[in-house]
Amino acid sequence: MALFKKRDDDLVRLRIFDNIPQAHALRLLLEANGVQASISGEETHAVLGNLGLTSAGLTGVEVLVRRADLEEARLVMNEVPAACNALVPPWTCECGAQVDEGFMVCWSCGHEVEIGDD
């Protein structure tokens, strides 16, 4: 007998990322398609990143959805593989570099664009 019954409103991991902007891009894509999503591990990842430990695989940023929405979330994620490019159009960094579509980090200086920045 299971101690905990699986419930439809339980949060489950859809995907884990090694960078925060990618996780938020997927969250935004899901929410734009009617699937509620949240992010977990962002703070830990940021702290360990400042210590240079994220490349060691010690932490990740999780995108979580309700168990009831898991299949729909997978469909959205898999059916729209180029959606991240649509979410991040080409942009000009503060340093003046032109950054290509789909990239949230400047290749020249490492600045991360926020979704909605100009």
N, C-alpha and C. Protein backbone atom coordinates (compact mmCIF):
# COMPACT_ATOMS: atom_id res chain seq x y z
N MET A 1 0.84 -1.19 0.00
CA MET A 1 0.00 0.00 0.00
C MET A 1 0.88 1.25 0.00
N ALA A 2 0.60 2.15 -0.92
CA ALA A 2 1.38 3.38 -1.03
C ALA A 2 1.00 4.35 0.08
N LEU A 3 2.01 4.99 0.65
CA LEU A 3 1.76 5.96 1.69
C LEU A 3 1.17 7.25 1.14
N PHE A 4 1.58 7.62 -0.06
CA PHE A 4 1.10 8.85 -0.67
C PHE A 4 0.43 8.54 -1.99
N LYS A 5 -0.79 8.97 -2.12
CA LYS A 5 -1.53 8.78 -3.36
C LYS A 5 -1.12 9.87 -4.34
N LYS A 6 -0.85 9.50 -5.58
CA LYS A 6 -0.52 10.49 -6.60
C LYS A 6 -1.78 11.27 -6.95
N ARG A 7 -1.65 12.59 -6.90
CA ARG A 7 -2.79 13.46 -7.17
C ARG A 7 -2.54 14.25 -8.44
N ASP A 8 -3.62 14.61 -9.12
CA ASP A 8 -3.50 15.37 -10.36
C ASP A 8 -2.88 16.74 -10.17
N ASP A 9 -3.03 17.31 -8.97
CA ASP A 9 -2.47 18.65 -8.76
C ASP A 9 -1.06 18.63 -8.18
N ASP A 10 -0.47 17.43 -8.04
CA ASP A 10 0.94 17.32 -7.64
C ASP A 10 1.81 17.94 -8.74
N LEU A 11 2.89 18.61 -8.33
CA LEU A 11 3.84 19.14 -9.30
C LEU A 11 4.86 18.06 -9.66
N VAL A 12 5.11 17.92 -10.95
CA VAL A 12 6.08 16.94 -11.44
C VAL A 12 7.05 17.65 -12.38
N ARG A 13 8.25 17.10 -12.49
CA ARG A 13 9.28 17.69 -13.35
C ARG A 13 8.99 17.37 -14.80
N LEU A 14 8.95 18.42 -15.61
CA LEU A 14 8.82 18.26 -17.05
C LEU A 14 10.21 18.17 -17.67
N ARG A 15 11.10 19.06 -17.24
CA ARG A 15 12.45 19.09 -17.81
C ARG A 15 13.38 19.81 -16.85
N ILE A 16 14.64 19.47 -16.91
CA ILE A 16 15.65 20.16 -16.11
C ILE A 16 16.67 20.79 -17.05
N PHE A 17 17.05 22.02 -16.74
CA PHE A 17 17.99 22.78 -17.57
C PHE A 17 19.23 23.11 -16.77
N ASP A 18 20.31 23.40 -17.47
CA ASP A 18 21.52 23.84 -16.79
C ASP A 18 21.68 25.35 -16.85
N ASN A 19 20.65 26.06 -17.37
CA ASN A 19 20.67 27.52 -17.27
C ASN A 19 19.27 28.07 -17.07
N ILE A 20 19.21 29.16 -16.33
CA ILE A 20 17.95 29.75 -15.90
C ILE A 20 17.13 30.31 -17.07
N PRO A 21 17.72 31.04 -18.02
CA PRO A 21 16.91 31.59 -19.12
C PRO A 21 16.21 30.52 -19.95
N GLN A 22 16.84 29.37 -20.18
CA GLN A 22 16.19 28.30 -20.94
C GLN A 22 14.96 27.79 -20.20
N ALA A 23 15.07 27.65 -18.91
CA ALA A 23 13.93 27.18 -18.11
C ALA A 23 12.78 28.18 -18.20
N HIS A 24 13.09 29.46 -18.10
CA HIS A 24 12.03 30.48 -18.19
C HIS A 24 11.42 30.54 -19.59
N ALA A 25 12.22 30.32 -20.62
CA ALA A 25 11.68 30.31 -21.98
C ALA A 25 10.65 29.19 -22.13
N LEU A 26 10.95 28.01 -21.59
CA LEU A 26 9.99 26.91 -21.67
C LEU A 26 8.75 27.23 -20.83
N ARG A 27 8.95 27.80 -19.65
CA ARG A 27 7.80 28.16 -18.80
C ARG A 27 6.88 29.13 -19.54
N LEU A 28 7.46 30.13 -20.19
CA LEU A 28 6.67 31.10 -20.94
C LEU A 28 5.94 30.44 -22.11
N LEU A 29 6.60 29.54 -22.80
CA LEU A 29 5.97 28.81 -23.90
C LEU A 29 4.77 28.01 -23.41
N LEU A 30 4.95 27.30 -22.30
CA LEU A 30 3.86 26.50 -21.75
C LEU A 30 2.69 27.39 -21.36
N GLU A 31 2.98 28.48 -20.65
CA GLU A 31 1.91 29.36 -20.20
C GLU A 31 1.20 30.03 -21.37
N ALA A 32 1.92 30.32 -22.44
CA ALA A 32 1.29 30.89 -23.64
C ALA A 32 0.35 29.89 -24.29
N ASN A 33 0.53 28.61 -23.99
CA ASN A 33 -0.32 27.56 -24.54
C ASN A 33 -1.28 27.00 -23.49
N GLY A 34 -1.50 27.75 -22.41
CA GLY A 34 -2.51 27.38 -21.43
C GLY A 34 -2.10 26.36 -20.39
N VAL A 35 -0.80 26.07 -20.27
CA VAL A 35 -0.33 25.11 -19.27
C VAL A 35 0.41 25.88 -18.17
N GLN A 36 -0.11 25.80 -16.96
CA GLN A 36 0.56 26.47 -15.85
C GLN A 36 1.88 25.75 -15.56
N ALA A 37 2.92 26.52 -15.31
CA ALA A 37 4.24 25.95 -15.05
C ALA A 37 4.96 26.82 -14.03
N SER A 38 5.91 26.21 -13.34
CA SER A 38 6.73 26.96 -12.39
C SER A 38 8.17 26.49 -12.49
N ILE A 39 9.05 27.26 -11.87
CA ILE A 39 10.48 26.99 -11.90
C ILE A 39 10.93 26.63 -10.48
N SER A 40 11.81 25.65 -10.39
CA SER A 40 12.37 25.27 -9.09
C SER A 40 13.89 25.15 -9.23
N GLY A 41 14.61 25.56 -8.20
CA GLY A 41 16.05 25.43 -8.19
C GLY A 41 16.81 26.63 -8.71
N GLU A 42 16.08 27.68 -9.03
CA GLU A 42 16.72 28.87 -9.61
C GLU A 42 17.71 29.51 -8.64
N GLU A 43 17.33 29.64 -7.38
CA GLU A 43 18.20 30.30 -6.40
C GLU A 43 19.46 29.47 -6.14
N THR A 44 19.28 28.18 -5.95
CA THR A 44 20.43 27.29 -5.70
C THR A 44 21.38 27.31 -6.88
N HIS A 45 20.81 27.26 -8.08
CA HIS A 45 21.62 27.28 -9.30
C HIS A 45 22.42 28.58 -9.39
N ALA A 46 21.78 29.69 -9.06
CA ALA A 46 22.46 30.99 -9.13
C ALA A 46 23.60 31.05 -8.11
N VAL A 47 23.35 30.58 -6.90
CA VAL A 47 24.40 30.61 -5.86
C VAL A 47 25.57 29.72 -6.25
N LEU A 48 25.27 28.48 -6.67
CA LEU A 48 26.34 27.57 -7.05
C LEU A 48 27.06 28.05 -8.31
N GLY A 49 26.32 28.74 -9.20
CA GLY A 49 26.94 29.30 -10.39
C GLY A 49 27.97 30.36 -10.02
N ASN A 50 27.65 31.17 -9.01
CA ASN A 50 28.60 32.19 -8.56
C ASN A 50 29.85 31.55 -7.97
N LEU A 51 29.72 30.33 -7.49
CA LEU A 51 30.87 29.60 -6.94
C LEU A 51 31.58 28.76 -8.01
N GLY A 52 31.03 28.78 -9.22
CA GLY A 52 31.62 28.00 -10.32
C GLY A 52 31.31 26.52 -10.25
N LEU A 53 30.21 26.13 -9.59
CA LEU A 53 29.92 24.72 -9.39
C LEU A 53 28.82 24.16 -10.28
N THR A 54 28.15 24.99 -11.07
CA THR A 54 27.05 24.46 -11.87
C THR A 54 27.55 23.55 -12.98
N SER A 55 28.72 23.78 -13.50
CA SER A 55 29.23 22.92 -14.57
C SER A 55 29.58 21.53 -14.04
N ALA A 56 29.65 21.38 -12.74
CA ALA A 56 29.92 20.07 -12.15
C ALA A 56 28.66 19.21 -12.08
N GLY A 57 27.53 19.75 -12.53
CA GLY A 57 26.29 18.99 -12.53
C GLY A 57 25.66 18.85 -11.16
N LEU A 58 25.99 19.76 -10.25
CA LEU A 58 25.47 19.65 -8.89
C LEU A 58 24.06 20.18 -8.75
N THR A 59 23.61 20.96 -9.69
CA THR A 59 22.28 21.55 -9.59
C THR A 59 21.73 21.79 -10.99
N GLY A 60 20.44 21.94 -11.05
CA GLY A 60 19.77 22.26 -12.30
C GLY A 60 18.54 23.08 -12.00
N VAL A 61 17.96 23.64 -13.03
CA VAL A 61 16.75 24.44 -12.89
C VAL A 61 15.62 23.62 -13.50
N GLU A 62 14.62 23.31 -12.69
CA GLU A 62 13.53 22.44 -13.12
C GLU A 62 12.32 23.25 -13.56
N VAL A 63 11.67 22.76 -14.61
CA VAL A 63 10.37 23.28 -15.00
C VAL A 63 9.35 22.26 -14.51
N LEU A 64 8.41 22.74 -13.68
CA LEU A 64 7.42 21.87 -13.06
C LEU A 64 6.02 22.19 -13.59
N VAL A 65 5.23 21.13 -13.77
CA VAL A 65 3.82 21.28 -14.17
C VAL A 65 2.98 20.36 -13.30
N ARG A 66 1.67 20.60 -13.30
CA ARG A 66 0.78 19.69 -12.57
C ARG A 66 0.77 18.33 -13.26
N ARG A 67 0.67 17.28 -12.47
CA ARG A 67 0.64 15.92 -13.02
C ARG A 67 -0.44 15.80 -14.10
N ALA A 68 -1.59 16.43 -13.87
CA ALA A 68 -2.70 16.37 -14.83
C ALA A 68 -2.34 17.03 -16.16
N ASP A 69 -1.40 17.95 -16.16
CA ASP A 69 -1.01 18.69 -17.37
C ASP A 69 0.24 18.14 -18.04
N LEU A 70 0.82 17.08 -17.49
CA LEU A 70 2.12 16.60 -17.96
C LEU A 70 2.11 16.21 -19.43
N GLU A 71 1.14 15.45 -19.86
CA GLU A 71 1.11 15.02 -21.27
C GLU A 71 0.93 16.20 -22.21
N GLU A 72 0.04 17.12 -21.86
CA GLU A 72 -0.15 18.31 -22.69
C GLU A 72 1.13 19.15 -22.73
N ALA A 73 1.79 19.28 -21.60
CA ALA A 73 3.05 20.04 -21.54
C ALA A 73 4.11 19.39 -22.43
N ARG A 74 4.18 18.08 -22.41
CA ARG A 74 5.15 17.38 -23.28
C ARG A 74 4.84 17.63 -24.75
N LEU A 75 3.55 17.61 -25.09
CA LEU A 75 3.16 17.89 -26.47
C LEU A 75 3.57 19.29 -26.89
N VAL A 76 3.29 20.27 -26.05
CA VAL A 76 3.67 21.65 -26.36
C VAL A 76 5.18 21.74 -26.54
N MET A 77 5.92 21.16 -25.61
CA MET A 77 7.38 21.24 -25.64
C MET A 77 7.94 20.56 -26.89
N ASN A 78 7.37 19.43 -27.28
CA ASN A 78 7.91 18.66 -28.40
C ASN A 78 7.38 19.10 -29.76
N GLU A 79 6.18 19.66 -29.81
CA GLU A 79 5.58 20.06 -31.08
C GLU A 79 6.04 21.43 -31.54
N VAL A 80 6.65 22.20 -30.66
CA VAL A 80 7.07 23.54 -31.02
C VAL A 80 8.56 23.68 -30.72
N PRO A 81 9.41 22.90 -31.38
CA PRO A 81 10.84 22.94 -31.06
C PRO A 81 11.50 24.27 -31.35
N ALA A 82 10.95 25.04 -32.28
CA ALA A 82 11.56 26.34 -32.60
C ALA A 82 10.94 27.47 -31.80
N ALA A 83 10.10 27.14 -30.84
CA ALA A 83 9.39 28.18 -30.09
C ALA A 83 10.34 29.07 -29.31
N CYS A 84 11.45 28.55 -28.84
CA CYS A 84 12.40 29.38 -28.10
C CYS A 84 12.92 30.51 -28.98
N ASN A 85 13.08 30.25 -30.27
CA ASN A 85 13.52 31.31 -31.17
C ASN A 85 12.47 32.41 -31.28
N ALA A 86 11.20 32.03 -31.29
CA ALA A 86 10.13 33.02 -31.37
C ALA A 86 10.05 33.83 -30.10
N LEU A 87 10.38 33.21 -28.96
CA LEU A 87 10.32 33.91 -27.70
C LEU A 87 11.47 34.90 -27.53
N VAL A 88 12.58 34.64 -28.20
CA VAL A 88 13.74 35.52 -28.07
C VAL A 88 14.14 35.98 -29.48
N PRO A 89 13.59 37.11 -29.92
CA PRO A 89 13.96 37.62 -31.24
C PRO A 89 15.38 38.17 -31.24
N PRO A 90 15.93 38.48 -32.40
CA PRO A 90 17.27 39.10 -32.43
C PRO A 90 17.24 40.37 -31.58
N TRP A 91 18.36 40.66 -30.91
CA TRP A 91 18.41 41.83 -30.03
C TRP A 91 19.80 42.43 -30.03
N THR A 92 19.87 43.69 -29.61
CA THR A 92 21.14 44.40 -29.50
C THR A 92 21.48 44.51 -28.03
N CYS A 93 22.64 44.02 -27.66
CA CYS A 93 23.10 44.04 -26.28
C CYS A 93 23.53 45.45 -25.87
N GLU A 94 23.60 45.66 -24.57
CA GLU A 94 24.08 46.94 -24.03
C GLU A 94 25.49 47.26 -24.52
N CYS A 95 26.29 46.22 -24.81
CA CYS A 95 27.66 46.44 -25.28
C CYS A 95 27.72 46.77 -26.77
N GLY A 96 26.54 46.70 -27.44
CA GLY A 96 26.48 47.03 -28.86
C GLY A 96 26.51 45.82 -29.79
N ALA A 97 26.73 44.64 -29.26
CA ALA A 97 26.79 43.43 -30.09
C ALA A 97 25.39 43.03 -30.56
N GLN A 98 25.30 42.52 -31.78
CA GLN A 98 24.05 41.99 -32.31
C GLN A 98 23.96 40.51 -31.94
N VAL A 99 22.88 40.13 -31.27
CA VAL A 99 22.70 38.75 -30.81
C VAL A 99 21.61 38.10 -31.65
N ASP A 100 21.88 36.90 -32.15
CA ASP A 100 20.96 36.20 -33.04
C ASP A 100 19.71 35.72 -32.31
N GLU A 101 18.69 35.46 -33.11
CA GLU A 101 17.42 34.93 -32.63
C GLU A 101 17.63 33.66 -31.81
N GLY A 102 16.90 33.55 -30.71
CA GLY A 102 16.94 32.35 -29.89
C GLY A 102 17.97 32.36 -28.79
N PHE A 103 18.91 33.32 -28.82
CA PHE A 103 19.96 33.38 -27.81
C PHE A 103 19.62 34.44 -26.77
N MET A 104 19.71 34.04 -25.50
CA MET A 104 19.38 34.95 -24.41
C MET A 104 20.63 35.54 -23.76
N VAL A 105 21.81 35.07 -24.18
CA VAL A 105 23.07 35.54 -23.61
C VAL A 105 23.92 36.13 -24.72
N CYS A 106 24.45 37.31 -24.46
CA CYS A 106 25.31 37.98 -25.44
C CYS A 106 26.61 37.20 -25.62
N TRP A 107 26.97 36.96 -26.85
CA TRP A 107 28.19 36.23 -27.17
C TRP A 107 29.43 37.04 -26.84
N SER A 108 29.29 38.36 -26.79
CA SER A 108 30.43 39.23 -26.60
C SER A 108 30.76 39.48 -25.12
N CYS A 109 29.73 39.81 -24.33
CA CYS A 109 30.00 40.21 -22.95
C CYS A 109 29.35 39.31 -21.89
N GLY A 110 28.46 38.41 -22.32
CA GLY A 110 27.82 37.50 -21.37
C GLY A 110 26.56 38.04 -20.71
N HIS A 111 26.12 39.24 -21.10
CA HIS A 111 24.89 39.81 -20.55
C HIS A 111 23.70 38.94 -20.94
N GLU A 112 22.80 38.68 -19.97
CA GLU A 112 21.59 37.90 -20.24
C GLU A 112 20.42 38.86 -20.43
N VAL A 113 19.71 38.70 -21.56
CA VAL A 113 18.55 39.54 -21.81
C VAL A 113 17.37 38.99 -21.03
N GLU A 114 16.54 39.87 -20.51
CA GLU A 114 15.30 39.47 -19.86
C GLU A 114 14.22 39.41 -20.95
N ILE A 115 13.32 38.44 -20.84
CA ILE A 115 12.21 38.37 -21.78
C ILE A 115 11.44 39.68 -21.66
N GLY A 116 11.25 40.35 -22.79
CA GLY A 116 10.55 41.63 -22.78
C GLY A 116 11.49 42.82 -22.85
N ASP A 117 12.82 42.61 -22.68
CA ASP A 117 13.78 43.70 -22.84
C ASP A 117 13.81 44.11 -24.31
N ASP A 118 14.17 45.36 -24.57
CA ASP A 118 14.32 45.82 -25.96
C ASP A 118 15.76 45.84 -26.37
